[in-house]
C-alpha atoms as a PDB file:
ATOM      1  CA  MET A   1       0.000   0.000   0.000  1.00  0.00           C
ATOM      2  CA  SER A   2       2.888   2.366   0.636  1.00  0.00           C
ATOM      3  CA  ILE A   3       3.755   2.525  -3.070  1.00  0.00           C
ATOM      4  CA  LEU A   4       0.332   4.067  -3.700  1.00  0.00           C
ATOM      5  CA  PHE A   5       1.331   7.405  -2.150  1.00  0.00           C
ATOM      6  CA  PRO A   6       4.302   8.201  -4.402  1.00  0.00           C
ATOM      7  CA  LEU A   7       2.037   7.317  -7.336  1.00  0.00           C
ATOM      8  CA  LEU A   8      -0.602   9.740  -6.029  1.00  0.00           C
ATOM      9  CA  GLY A   9       2.066  12.437  -5.911  1.00  0.00           C
ATOM     10  CA  VAL A  10       2.960  11.709  -9.535  1.00  0.00           C
ATOM     11  CA  LEU A  11      -0.758  11.783 -10.444  1.00  0.00           C
ATOM     12  CA  TYR A  12      -1.103  15.244  -8.856  1.00  0.00           C
ATOM     13  CA  ILE A  13       1.888  16.424 -10.878  1.00  0.00           C
ATOM     14  CA  VAL A  14       0.579  14.923 -14.131  1.00  0.00           C
ATOM     15  CA  LEU A  15      -2.872  16.467 -13.586  1.00  0.00           C
ATOM     16  CA  GLY A  16      -1.402  19.846 -12.654  1.00  0.00           C
ATOM     17  CA  ILE A  17       0.799  20.374 -15.709  1.00  0.00           C
ATOM     18  CA  PRO A  18      -1.992  20.798 -18.322  1.00  0.00           C
ATOM     19  CA  LEU A  19      -3.894  23.156 -16.007  1.00  0.00           C
ATOM     20  CA  TRP A  20      -0.788  25.227 -15.304  1.00  0.00           C
ATOM     21  CA  ARG A  21       0.042  25.450 -19.014  1.00  0.00           C
ATOM     22  CA  ARG A  22      -3.559  26.508 -19.846  1.00  0.00           C
ATOM     23  CA  ILE A  23      -4.135  23.502 -22.096  1.00  0.00           C
ATOM     24  CA  VAL A  24      -7.419  22.338 -20.552  1.00  0.00           C
ATOM     25  CA  PRO A  25     -10.452  24.211 -21.944  1.00  0.00           C
ATOM     26  CA  PRO A  26     -13.480  24.943 -19.746  1.00  0.00           C
ATOM     27  CA  ASN A  27     -15.293  21.690 -19.024  1.00  0.00           C
ATOM     28  CA  GLY A  28     -17.406  20.057 -16.338  1.00  0.00           C
ATOM     29  CA  LEU A  29     -15.008  17.237 -15.439  1.00  0.00           C
ATOM     30  CA  TYR A  30     -11.451  18.458 -14.908  1.00  0.00           C
ATOM     31  CA  GLY A  31     -10.209  21.659 -13.323  1.00  0.00           C
ATOM     32  CA  PHE A  32     -11.401  24.211 -10.773  1.00  0.00           C
ATOM     33  CA  ARG A  33     -15.099  24.248 -11.639  1.00  0.00           C
ATOM     34  CA  THR A  34     -17.481  26.896 -10.362  1.00  0.00           C
ATOM     35  CA  LYS A  35     -20.308  28.778 -12.017  1.00  0.00           C
ATOM     36  CA  LEU A  36     -17.977  31.722 -12.613  1.00  0.00           C
ATOM     37  CA  THR A  37     -15.042  29.744 -14.008  1.00  0.00           C
ATOM     38  CA  LEU A  38     -17.326  27.832 -16.361  1.00  0.00           C
ATOM     39  CA  SER A  39     -18.963  31.044 -17.602  1.00  0.00           C
ATOM     40  CA  SER A  40     -15.770  32.840 -18.658  1.00  0.00           C
ATOM     41  CA  ALA A  41     -12.789  31.344 -20.484  1.00  0.00           C
ATOM     42  CA  GLU A  42     -10.550  34.142 -19.187  1.00  0.00           C
ATOM     43  CA  VAL A  43     -11.456  33.380 -15.569  1.00  0.00           C
ATOM     44  CA  TRP A  44     -11.210  29.620 -16.224  1.00  0.00           C
ATOM     45  CA  TYR A  45      -7.635  29.821 -17.481  1.00  0.00           C
ATOM     46  CA  GLU A  46      -6.506  32.260 -14.792  1.00  0.00           C
ATOM     47  CA  VAL A  47      -7.951  30.239 -11.912  1.00  0.00           C
ATOM     48  CA  ASN A  48      -6.859  26.884 -13.298  1.00  0.00           C
ATOM     49  CA  GLU A  49      -3.315  28.095 -13.974  1.00  0.00           C
ATOM     50  CA  ARG A  50      -3.020  28.870 -10.263  1.00  0.00           C
ATOM     51  CA  SER A  51      -4.705  25.594  -9.341  1.00  0.00           C
ATOM     52  CA  GLY A  52      -2.342  23.675 -11.621  1.00  0.00           C
ATOM     53  CA  LYS A  53       0.684  25.280  -9.949  1.00  0.00           C
ATOM     54  CA  LEU A  54      -0.677  24.253  -6.561  1.00  0.00           C
ATOM     55  CA  LEU A  55      -1.269  20.707  -7.822  1.00  0.00           C
ATOM     56  CA  LEU A  56       2.370  20.594  -8.931  1.00  0.00           C
ATOM     57  CA  ILE A  57       3.642  21.904  -5.599  1.00  0.00           C
ATOM     58  CA  PHE A  58       1.513  19.593  -3.488  1.00  0.00           C
ATOM     59  CA  GLY A  59       2.196  16.656  -5.813  1.00  0.00           C
ATOM     60  CA  CYS A  60       5.935  17.188  -5.316  1.00  0.00           C
ATOM     61  CA  LEU A  61       5.440  17.465  -1.542  1.00  0.00           C
ATOM     62  CA  LEU A  62       3.363  14.283  -1.471  1.00  0.00           C
ATOM     63  CA  PHE A  63       5.870  12.423  -3.615  1.00  0.00           C
ATOM     64  CA  ALA A  64       8.812  13.606  -1.485  1.00  0.00           C
ATOM     65  CA  SER A  65       7.106  12.745   1.803  1.00  0.00           C
ATOM     66  CA  ALA A  66       6.100   9.296   0.482  1.00  0.00           C
ATOM     67  CA  VAL A  67       9.630   8.561  -0.741  1.00  0.00           C
ATOM     68  CA  LEU A  68      11.041   9.737   2.605  1.00  0.00           C
ATOM     69  CA  TYR A  69       8.574   7.476   4.398  1.00  0.00           C
ATOM     70  CA  LEU A  70       9.571   4.495   2.235  1.00  0.00           C
ATOM     71  CA  TRP A  71      13.246   5.259   2.764  1.00  0.00           C
ATOM     72  CA  LEU A  72      12.838   5.454   6.552  1.00  0.00           C
ATOM     73  CA  PHE A  73      10.652   2.388   6.984  1.00  0.00           C
ATOM     74  CA  PHE A  74      11.391   0.166   3.964  1.00  0.00           C
ATOM     75  CA  GLY A  75      12.426  -3.290   5.081  1.00  0.00           C
ATOM     76  CA  ASP A  76      11.173  -2.801   8.629  1.00  0.00           C
ATOM     77  CA  LYS A  77       7.702  -4.253   8.146  1.00  0.00           C
ATOM     78  CA  ALA A  78       6.602  -3.938  11.767  1.00  0.00           C
ATOM     79  CA  SER A  79       7.708  -0.321  12.061  1.00  0.00           C
ATOM     80  CA  GLY A  80       6.410   0.558   8.592  1.00  0.00           C
ATOM     81  CA  GLU A  81       2.929  -0.771   9.305  1.00  0.00           C
ATOM     82  CA  LYS A  82       2.908   0.929  12.690  1.00  0.00           C
ATOM     83  CA  HIS A  83       3.721   4.311  11.139  1.00  0.00           C
ATOM     84  CA  GLU A  84       1.658   4.009   7.960  1.00  0.00           C
ATOM     85  CA  TRP A  85      -0.951   6.293   9.521  1.00  0.00           C
ATOM     86  CA  LEU A  86       1.641   9.074   9.267  1.00  0.00           C
ATOM     87  CA  LEU A  87       1.734   8.764   5.494  1.00  0.00           C
ATOM     88  CA  ILE A  88      -2.063   8.651   5.270  1.00  0.00           C
ATOM     89  CA  ALA A  89      -2.351  11.714   7.525  1.00  0.00           C
ATOM     90  CA  THR A  90       0.255  13.542   5.416  1.00  0.00           C
ATOM     91  CA  PHE A  91      -1.709  12.771   2.249  1.00  0.00           C
ATOM     92  CA  PHE A  92      -4.983  14.079   3.679  1.00  0.00           C
ATOM     93  CA  PHE A  93      -3.280  17.124   5.186  1.00  0.00           C
ATOM     94  CA  LEU A  94      -1.662  18.040   1.859  1.00  0.00           C
ATOM     95  CA  MET A  95      -4.883  17.411  -0.052  1.00  0.00           C
ATOM     96  CA  LEU A  96      -6.906  19.600   2.337  1.00  0.00           C
ATOM     97  CA  MET A  97      -4.252  22.330   2.305  1.00  0.00           C
ATOM     98  CA  HIS A  98      -4.288  22.353  -1.497  1.00  0.00           C
ATOM     99  CA  MET A  99      -8.066  22.695  -1.603  1.00  0.00           C
ATOM    100  CA  ALA A 100      -8.110  25.361   1.129  1.00  0.00           C
ATOM    101  CA  ILE A 101      -5.397  27.506  -0.469  1.00  0.00           C
ATOM    102  CA  ASP A 102      -7.030  27.135  -3.879  1.00  0.00           C
ATOM    103  CA  PHE A 103     -10.477  28.078  -2.580  1.00  0.00           C
ATOM    104  CA  VAL A 104      -9.253  30.997  -0.456  1.00  0.00           C
ATOM    105  CA  GLY A 105      -7.281  32.404  -3.392  1.00  0.00           C
ATOM    106  CA  TYR A 106     -10.273  32.072  -5.689  1.00  0.00           C
ATOM    107  CA  TYR A 107     -12.684  33.570  -3.167  1.00  0.00           C
ATOM    108  CA  ALA A 108     -10.367  36.471  -2.312  1.00  0.00           C
ATOM    109  CA  LYS A 109     -10.046  37.434  -5.960  1.00  0.00           C
ATOM    110  CA  TYR A 110     -13.597  36.846  -7.193  1.00  0.00           C
ATOM    111  CA  ARG A 111     -15.869  37.442  -4.205  1.00  0.00           C
ATOM    112  CA  LYS A 112     -16.697  40.908  -5.563  1.00  0.00           C
ATOM    113  CA  CYS A 113     -17.547  39.882  -9.080  1.00  0.00           C
ATOM    114  CA  PRO A 114     -18.613  42.762 -11.342  1.00  0.00           C
ATOM    115  CA  LYS A 115     -22.308  42.684 -12.162  1.00  0.00           C
ATOM    116  CA  ASP A 116     -21.558  42.693 -15.868  1.00  0.00           C
ATOM    117  CA  MET A 117     -19.394  39.542 -15.625  1.00  0.00           C
ATOM    118  CA  PRO A 118     -21.061  36.949 -17.877  1.00  0.00           C
ATOM    119  CA  THR A 119     -22.570  33.936 -16.146  1.00  0.00           C
ATOM    120  CA  SER A 120     -24.301  30.952 -17.625  1.00  0.00           C
ATOM    121  CA  ASP A 121     -27.679  31.774 -16.051  1.00  0.00           C
ATOM    122  CA  SER A 122     -27.648  35.526 -16.656  1.00  0.00           C
ATOM    123  CA  GLU A 123     -30.345  37.025 -18.809  1.00  0.00           C
ATOM    124  CA  PRO A 124     -30.091  40.244 -20.769  1.00  0.00           C
ATOM    125  CA  GLN A 125     -31.113  43.270 -18.734  1.00  0.00           C
ATOM    126  CA  PRO A 126     -33.841  45.499 -20.269  1.00  0.00           C
END
């Protein structure tokens, strides 16, 4: 099970690169999806570039912490199983930190959205 965590770090990195490089167009499956980001390509690419950078950073941190864990406890099965909770806790901590930083950054920038910003459910004003 311990090999799963370095692979998750690599997955974060692989998923972050296209977002960071602005390759992923607005869609409902992959990226930082909110009503605002899906309504404006400019906002989508700006928010997802930042999100992709954070995915890269936290993917590298997860990979490094998992490799460090394997290096410290590899071969010592009893000690490795006893401390596996540390790796699981690190994964959840990094995942929650990524989501919190991403959300706070998004909210801080877009909480005062201009009224004329296009949204998918907006109707023309008379």
